[in-house]
Amino acid sequence: FTMDSIMQIFFGEAANTLEGEPCVYGAAFDTAHRCMMNYARPSMKMLTMLKHAPWPFGGVGGLAWWMHGMLNPEFREFRKACGTLTSESERLVAACRADPKLGERRDLLALFTQAEEKQHFTADYLRDMVLNFVIAGRDTTACLLSWMFYVLSVNPEVQDELLAEVDARCPAGTAPSLKLLAPGSMPYLQGVLYETLRLYPPVPSDSKQAYADDVWPDGTFVPKGTVCMWLPYTLGRDPAVYPEPEVVRPERWIPFVAPAPHEFPVFQAGPRICLGMDMAIFEAKVAAVSLLQRYRFELKPGEREKITYSNTLTMSVCNSPTQDSHNLWLIPHARS
């Protein structure tokens, strides 16, 4: 769902992975992500040592670093997938530039392309922007939806309450709209979504590097180049802020008051706050309500004890202790 939506919204290109049609970009992205993690995790100690060796033998991109990667099959597959991502991104940019109806298009790539003359964007810049849009807009929303339906399936009382709200505010046959799905109209839906983000943030840990010397509000000096990490996963489970943090309680967010971004940094904060935050929340609500209008969901028997976190950059659902299966098996029950 999220791959299909971002291909249309971001790039003006139709995709239909929901019905099983292949998507070259999506498949290459998944392969690159998987291979990168499979290579980087066990190689981290060696790569760190090589990083500090003298150039040109050592250092990032040095001879030893390059040889270590090329001798690893996961790294070779990663490089191959990156080549596909590069060629597909360049194809999207070239097709957009050549579109005779470019001026009528309103997808994000078209808007950037229309501003090329004034902003002086290069082809490489647009290519990299395409990849960044996919990284930011696909897996994150997919993680949110997956964990949201997991939460509903293992907390039937929460699902019952949400179904009652859907039936009252946006029943079957009603198209979800921005107004109908607003927190004031469907507060419980907003509460379920934010409880999911609190417990299962799509990016559970993040970091920033200081561009220049800085000082934190508490007086801590941060030298230029310092890498600072924070853990949205841990912040969302702080009992001092969220009593009984392991309990799913959508009422925490009713009436809804947007949390301070620096205290709830699921979408980051400040100048680097997620540009697609509102779109992601609306997209997740539309998908959830559209499904709940027709079905209620139950987790397949025997699956709950298997559910864990994927060892990827985004915290997607994994149903295997060996990380070889990433499925959320739900049983839909048609609603009368």
Protein backbone atom coordinates (compact mmCIF):
# COMPACT_ATOMS: atom_id res chain seq x y z
CA PHE A 1 0.00 0.00 0.00
CA THR A 2 2.65 2.54 1.01
CA MET A 3 4.82 1.76 -2.04
CA ASP A 4 1.86 2.27 -4.37
CA SER A 5 0.87 5.53 -2.70
CA ILE A 6 4.32 7.13 -2.67
CA MET A 7 5.01 6.18 -6.28
CA GLN A 8 1.88 8.13 -7.25
CA ILE A 9 2.14 11.02 -4.78
CA PHE A 10 5.90 11.52 -4.97
CA PHE A 11 6.69 10.57 -8.57
CA GLY A 12 3.40 10.57 -10.51
CA GLU A 13 3.90 6.93 -11.51
CA ALA A 14 1.30 4.21 -11.00
CA ALA A 15 2.25 1.04 -9.10
CA ASN A 16 0.03 -1.85 -8.12
CA THR A 17 1.96 -4.02 -5.68
CA LEU A 18 -1.24 -4.57 -3.67
CA GLU A 19 -2.46 -6.85 -6.45
CA GLY A 20 0.85 -8.59 -6.86
CA GLU A 21 2.39 -6.59 -9.69
CA PRO A 22 6.18 -6.31 -9.32
CA CYS A 23 7.80 -2.96 -8.55
CA VAL A 24 11.45 -2.85 -9.54
CA TYR A 25 12.20 0.08 -7.25
CA GLY A 26 10.51 -1.49 -4.23
CA ALA A 27 12.21 -4.86 -4.71
CA ALA A 28 15.66 -3.27 -5.09
CA PHE A 29 15.08 -1.08 -2.04
CA ASP A 30 14.17 -4.10 0.11
CA THR A 31 17.21 -6.04 -1.12
CA ALA A 32 19.59 -3.14 -0.48
CA HIS A 33 18.19 -2.57 3.03
CA ARG A 34 18.38 -6.26 3.98
CA CYS A 35 21.88 -6.80 2.57
CA MET A 36 23.24 -3.63 4.14
CA MET A 37 22.13 -4.75 7.61
CA ASN A 38 23.29 -8.34 7.07
CA TYR A 39 26.73 -7.06 6.04
CA ALA A 40 27.16 -4.15 8.44
CA ARG A 41 26.20 -5.75 11.76
CA PRO A 42 28.75 -8.62 11.83
CA SER A 43 31.39 -6.47 10.08
CA MET A 44 31.18 -3.43 12.35
CA LYS A 45 34.22 -4.25 14.49
CA MET A 46 36.45 -4.94 11.50
CA LEU A 47 35.23 -1.88 9.56
CA THR A 48 35.85 0.34 12.58
CA MET A 49 39.43 -0.94 12.84
CA LEU A 50 40.00 -0.44 9.11
CA LYS A 51 38.56 3.05 9.32
CA HIS A 52 41.46 4.15 11.53
CA ALA A 53 44.19 2.48 9.47
CA PRO A 54 46.41 4.78 7.33
CA TRP A 55 45.18 5.82 3.87
CA PRO A 56 45.12 4.46 1.18
CA PHE A 57 45.10 1.00 2.76
CA GLY A 58 42.66 2.02 5.51
CA GLY A 59 40.05 4.69 5.97
CA VAL A 60 36.45 4.77 4.73
CA GLY A 61 36.58 3.67 1.09
CA GLY A 62 40.22 2.62 1.36
CA LEU A 63 41.68 -0.48 -0.26
CA ALA A 64 41.12 -2.76 2.75
CA TRP A 65 37.58 -1.45 3.26
CA TRP A 66 36.78 -2.04 -0.42
CA MET A 67 38.31 -5.56 -0.47
CA HIS A 68 36.46 -6.56 2.72
CA GLY A 69 33.18 -5.60 1.08
CA MET A 70 33.79 -7.15 -2.31
CA LEU A 71 34.69 -10.50 -0.74
CA ASN A 72 31.34 -10.56 1.07
CA PRO A 73 28.31 -11.87 -0.94
CA GLU A 74 25.87 -9.68 1.03
CA PHE A 75 27.85 -6.57 0.16
CA ARG A 76 28.03 -7.55 -3.51
CA GLU A 77 24.26 -8.04 -3.60
CA PHE A 78 23.87 -4.68 -1.84
CA ARG A 79 25.96 -2.96 -4.51
CA LYS A 80 23.92 -4.60 -7.27
CA ALA A 81 20.64 -3.44 -5.68
CA CYS A 82 22.05 0.08 -5.28
CA GLY A 83 22.83 0.10 -8.99
CA THR A 84 19.19 -0.72 -9.71
CA LEU A 85 18.02 2.04 -7.37
CA THR A 86 20.31 4.52 -9.12
CA SER A 87 19.12 3.58 -12.60
CA GLU A 88 15.45 3.60 -11.56
CA SER A 89 15.82 6.99 -9.85
CA GLU A 90 17.51 8.41 -12.95
CA ARG A 91 14.71 6.95 -15.10
CA LEU A 92 12.06 8.66 -12.97
CA VAL A 93 13.88 12.00 -13.17
CA ALA A 94 14.42 11.74 -16.95
CA ALA A 95 10.79 10.78 -17.55
CA CYS A 96 9.59 13.70 -15.46
CA ARG A 97 11.82 16.19 -17.26
CA ALA A 98 10.66 14.90 -20.65
CA ASP A 99 6.94 14.89 -19.79
CA PRO A 100 5.17 17.37 -22.10
CA LYS A 101 2.53 17.84 -19.39
CA LEU A 102 5.09 18.58 -16.68
CA GLY A 103 3.52 21.95 -15.94
CA GLU A 104 0.20 20.28 -15.07
CA ARG A 105 1.68 17.71 -12.69
CA ARG A 106 1.53 18.14 -8.92
CA ASP A 107 3.57 15.19 -7.66
CA LEU A 108 6.62 16.10 -5.59
CA LEU A 109 9.20 15.19 -8.23
CA ALA A 110 7.37 17.36 -10.76
CA LEU A 111 7.30 20.31 -8.35
CA PHE A 112 11.06 20.01 -7.83
CA THR A 113 11.64 19.67 -11.57
CA GLN A 114 9.49 22.74 -12.28
CA ALA A 115 11.73 24.71 -9.89
CA GLU A 116 14.97 23.49 -11.52
CA GLU A 117 15.70 26.65 -13.47
CA LYS A 118 15.43 28.88 -10.42
CA GLN A 119 16.98 26.50 -7.87
CA HIS A 120 19.64 25.01 -10.20
CA PHE A 121 19.04 21.40 -9.18
CA THR A 122 21.42 18.91 -10.76
CA ALA A 123 20.40 15.51 -12.07
CA ASP A 124 22.36 13.87 -9.24
CA TYR A 125 20.55 16.00 -6.67
CA LEU A 126 17.15 14.99 -8.03
CA ARG A 127 18.22 11.34 -8.21
CA ASP A 128 19.31 11.35 -4.56
CA MET A 129 16.13 13.20 -3.57
CA VAL A 130 14.04 10.40 -5.12
CA LEU A 131 15.79 7.80 -2.97
CA ASN A 132 15.43 9.93 0.16
CA PHE A 133 11.70 10.30 -0.45
CA VAL A 134 11.35 6.51 -0.61
CA ILE A 135 13.42 5.99 2.55
CA ALA A 136 11.35 8.57 4.44
CA GLY A 137 7.91 7.77 3.08
CA ARG A 138 7.52 4.04 2.58
CA ASP A 139 8.84 1.85 5.39
CA THR A 140 8.00 4.32 8.15
CA THR A 141 4.26 4.43 7.36
CA ALA A 142 4.23 0.70 6.63
CA CYS A 143 5.73 0.06 10.09
CA LEU A 144 3.09 2.25 11.71
CA LEU A 145 0.24 0.40 9.98
CA SER A 146 1.69 -3.04 10.75
CA TRP A 147 2.15 -2.35 14.45
CA MET A 148 -1.22 -0.58 14.64
CA PHE A 149 -3.04 -3.68 13.41
CA TYR A 150 -0.94 -5.84 15.72
CA VAL A 151 -2.03 -3.65 18.63
CA LEU A 152 -5.68 -3.95 17.57
CA SER A 153 -5.50 -7.71 17.09
CA VAL A 154 -4.02 -8.43 20.53
CA ASN A 155 -6.17 -5.86 22.34
CA PRO A 156 -9.74 -6.76 21.28
CA GLU A 157 -11.30 -4.25 23.67
CA VAL A 158 -9.35 -1.47 21.95
CA GLN A 159 -10.44 -2.77 18.54
CA ASP A 160 -14.07 -2.87 19.68
CA GLU A 161 -13.92 0.74 20.82
CA LEU A 162 -12.32 1.86 17.55
CA LEU A 163 -14.85 -0.09 15.46
CA ALA A 164 -17.67 1.66 17.34
CA GLU A 165 -16.12 5.03 16.52
CA VAL A 166 -15.67 4.07 12.85
CA ASP A 167 -19.33 2.99 12.65
CA ALA A 168 -20.49 6.22 14.26
CA ARG A 169 -18.26 8.72 12.45
CA CYS A 170 -17.16 7.12 9.17
CA PRO A 171 -19.32 4.03 8.48
CA ALA A 172 -19.01 1.68 5.53
CA GLY A 173 -19.81 3.47 2.28
CA THR A 174 -18.37 6.78 3.53
CA ALA A 175 -15.12 7.93 1.97
CA PRO A 176 -12.54 8.89 4.66
CA SER A 177 -11.67 12.57 4.42
CA LEU A 178 -9.29 14.92 6.20
CA LYS A 179 -12.22 16.44 8.10
CA LEU A 180 -13.80 13.13 9.08
CA LEU A 181 -10.50 11.67 10.31
CA ALA A 182 -9.43 14.75 12.31
CA PRO A 183 -8.73 14.27 16.05
CA GLY A 184 -11.85 16.22 16.98
CA SER A 185 -14.03 13.95 14.85
CA MET A 186 -12.37 10.60 15.60
CA PRO A 187 -10.42 11.03 18.86
CA TYR A 188 -10.08 7.31 19.56
CA LEU A 189 -8.50 6.71 16.15
CA GLN A 190 -5.98 9.45 16.93
CA GLY A 191 -5.34 7.85 20.33
CA VAL A 192 -4.73 4.39 18.84
CA LEU A 193 -2.36 5.83 16.25
CA TYR A 194 -0.33 7.78 18.82
CA GLU A 195 -0.22 4.83 21.24
CA THR A 196 1.22 2.78 18.39
CA LEU A 197 3.82 5.46 17.65
CA ARG A 198 4.68 5.67 21.35
CA LEU A 199 5.19 1.92 21.77
CA TYR A 200 6.52 1.07 18.32
CA PRO A 201 8.20 4.12 16.75
CA PRO A 202 9.16 3.33 13.12
CA VAL A 203 12.69 4.62 13.80
CA PRO A 204 13.47 3.44 17.36
CA SER A 205 16.88 5.12 17.57
CA ASP A 206 18.31 8.10 15.74
CA SER A 207 21.30 10.41 15.79
CA LYS A 208 22.60 13.77 14.69
CA GLN A 209 26.14 15.09 14.28
CA ALA A 210 26.98 18.57 15.54
CA TYR A 211 27.76 20.82 12.57
CA ALA A 212 29.50 23.31 14.90
CA ASP A 213 30.25 23.73 18.61
CA ASP A 214 26.99 23.98 20.51
CA VAL A 215 25.56 24.13 24.03
CA TRP A 216 22.48 22.22 25.19
CA PRO A 217 19.79 23.97 27.27
CA ASP A 218 21.21 22.38 30.45
CA GLY A 219 24.64 23.89 29.75
CA THR A 220 26.31 20.78 28.35
CA PHE A 221 28.97 21.69 25.79
CA VAL A 222 28.75 19.73 22.53
CA PRO A 223 31.92 19.97 20.42
CA LYS A 224 31.74 20.11 16.64
CA GLY A 225 31.56 16.62 15.13
CA THR A 226 29.97 15.00 18.19
CA VAL A 227 27.40 12.32 17.32
CA CYS A 228 24.40 12.59 19.62
CA MET A 229 21.91 9.70 19.80
CA TRP A 230 18.39 9.54 21.19
CA LEU A 231 15.95 6.65 21.54
CA PRO A 232 12.28 7.35 20.75
CA TYR A 233 11.56 3.73 21.76
CA THR A 234 12.84 4.36 25.29
CA LEU A 235 11.32 7.83 25.60
CA GLY A 236 7.89 6.41 24.77
CA ARG A 237 8.14 3.84 27.56
CA ASP A 238 9.21 6.17 30.36
CA PRO A 239 6.87 5.46 33.33
CA ALA A 240 7.46 8.95 34.70
CA VAL A 241 5.77 10.34 31.58
CA TYR A 242 3.43 7.46 30.66
CA PRO A 243 2.12 5.57 33.74
CA GLU A 244 1.93 1.82 33.05
CA PRO A 245 3.82 2.36 29.80
CA GLU A 246 3.40 -1.22 28.51
CA VAL A 247 -0.39 -0.92 28.60
CA VAL A 248 -2.14 0.18 25.39
CA ARG A 249 -4.30 3.09 26.50
CA PRO A 250 -5.52 5.34 23.66
CA GLU A 251 -7.30 7.51 26.24
CA ARG A 252 -3.89 9.00 27.09
CA TRP A 253 -4.29 11.12 23.97
CA ILE A 254 -7.92 12.24 24.47
CA PRO A 255 -8.52 15.13 24.17
CA PHE A 256 -5.62 15.30 21.79
CA VAL A 257 -2.85 17.78 22.53
CA ALA A 258 0.09 17.44 20.18
CA PRO A 259 3.16 16.40 22.22
CA ALA A 260 6.23 18.62 22.17
CA PRO A 261 8.42 17.28 19.33
CA HIS A 262 11.56 17.20 21.48
CA GLU A 263 9.73 15.11 24.11
CA PHE A 264 8.09 12.83 21.54
CA PRO A 265 10.66 12.81 18.71
CA VAL A 266 9.04 10.09 16.60
CA PHE A 267 9.01 12.58 13.71
CA GLN A 268 12.21 14.31 14.90
CA ALA A 269 12.06 17.99 15.84
CA GLY A 270 13.24 21.49 15.02
CA PRO A 271 14.41 22.41 11.50
CA ARG A 272 14.78 18.69 10.63
CA ILE A 273 11.25 17.68 11.64
CA CYS A 274 9.66 15.22 9.21
CA LEU A 275 8.15 17.11 6.27
CA GLY A 276 5.74 14.26 5.58
CA MET A 277 4.41 13.90 9.13
CA ASP A 278 0.87 15.07 8.41
CA MET A 279 0.70 13.06 5.18
CA ALA A 280 1.90 9.89 6.93
CA ILE A 281 -0.68 10.23 9.72
CA PHE A 282 -3.49 10.88 7.25
CA GLU A 283 -2.36 8.03 4.98
CA ALA A 284 -2.31 5.59 7.91
CA LYS A 285 -5.76 6.72 9.05
CA VAL A 286 -7.26 6.32 5.58
CA ALA A 287 -5.87 2.79 5.23
CA ALA A 288 -6.93 1.75 8.74
CA VAL A 289 -10.48 3.12 8.52
CA SER A 290 -11.01 1.71 5.02
CA LEU A 291 -10.17 -1.77 6.35
CA LEU A 292 -12.06 -1.44 9.63
CA GLN A 293 -15.22 -0.38 7.82
CA ARG A 294 -15.34 -3.91 6.39
CA TYR A 295 -13.40 -6.20 8.72
CA ARG A 296 -12.30 -6.87 12.26
CA PHE A 297 -8.94 -8.57 12.70
CA GLU A 298 -7.57 -11.45 14.72
CA LEU A 299 -3.93 -12.51 14.98
CA LYS A 300 -3.39 -15.98 13.56
CA PRO A 301 -3.15 -18.53 16.40
CA GLY A 302 0.42 -19.26 17.43
CA GLU A 303 1.81 -16.02 16.01
CA ARG A 304 1.82 -13.76 19.07
CA GLU A 305 4.79 -15.47 20.71
CA LYS A 306 6.76 -15.15 17.45
CA ILE A 307 6.34 -11.41 17.00
CA THR A 308 9.50 -9.39 17.53
CA TYR A 309 11.37 -6.47 15.96
CA SER A 310 13.24 -6.60 12.67
CA ASN A 311 16.96 -5.85 12.85
CA THR A 312 16.60 -3.15 10.21
CA LEU A 313 16.83 0.65 10.34
CA THR A 314 13.06 0.87 10.60
CA MET A 315 11.39 -1.20 13.30
CA SER A 316 9.17 -3.38 11.14
CA VAL A 317 7.36 -6.48 12.34
CA CYS A 318 9.29 -9.74 12.36
CA ASN A 319 7.73 -13.13 13.14
CA SER A 320 10.89 -15.21 13.31
CA PRO A 321 13.65 -15.39 15.94
CA THR A 322 16.13 -15.94 13.10
CA GLN A 323 14.94 -12.84 11.22
CA ASP A 324 14.02 -14.82 8.10
CA SER A 325 10.30 -13.99 8.07
CA HIS A 326 8.75 -10.54 8.29
CA ASN A 327 5.01 -11.14 8.21
CA LEU A 328 2.05 -10.12 10.32
CA TRP A 329 -0.46 -12.92 9.77
CA LEU A 330 -3.94 -11.61 10.50
CA ILE A 331 -7.32 -13.28 10.02
CA PRO A 332 -9.93 -10.82 8.67
CA HIS A 333 -13.53 -11.35 9.69
CA ALA A 334 -16.11 -9.67 7.50
CA ARG A 335 -18.41 -7.36 9.42
CA SER A 336 -22.13 -7.53 8.80
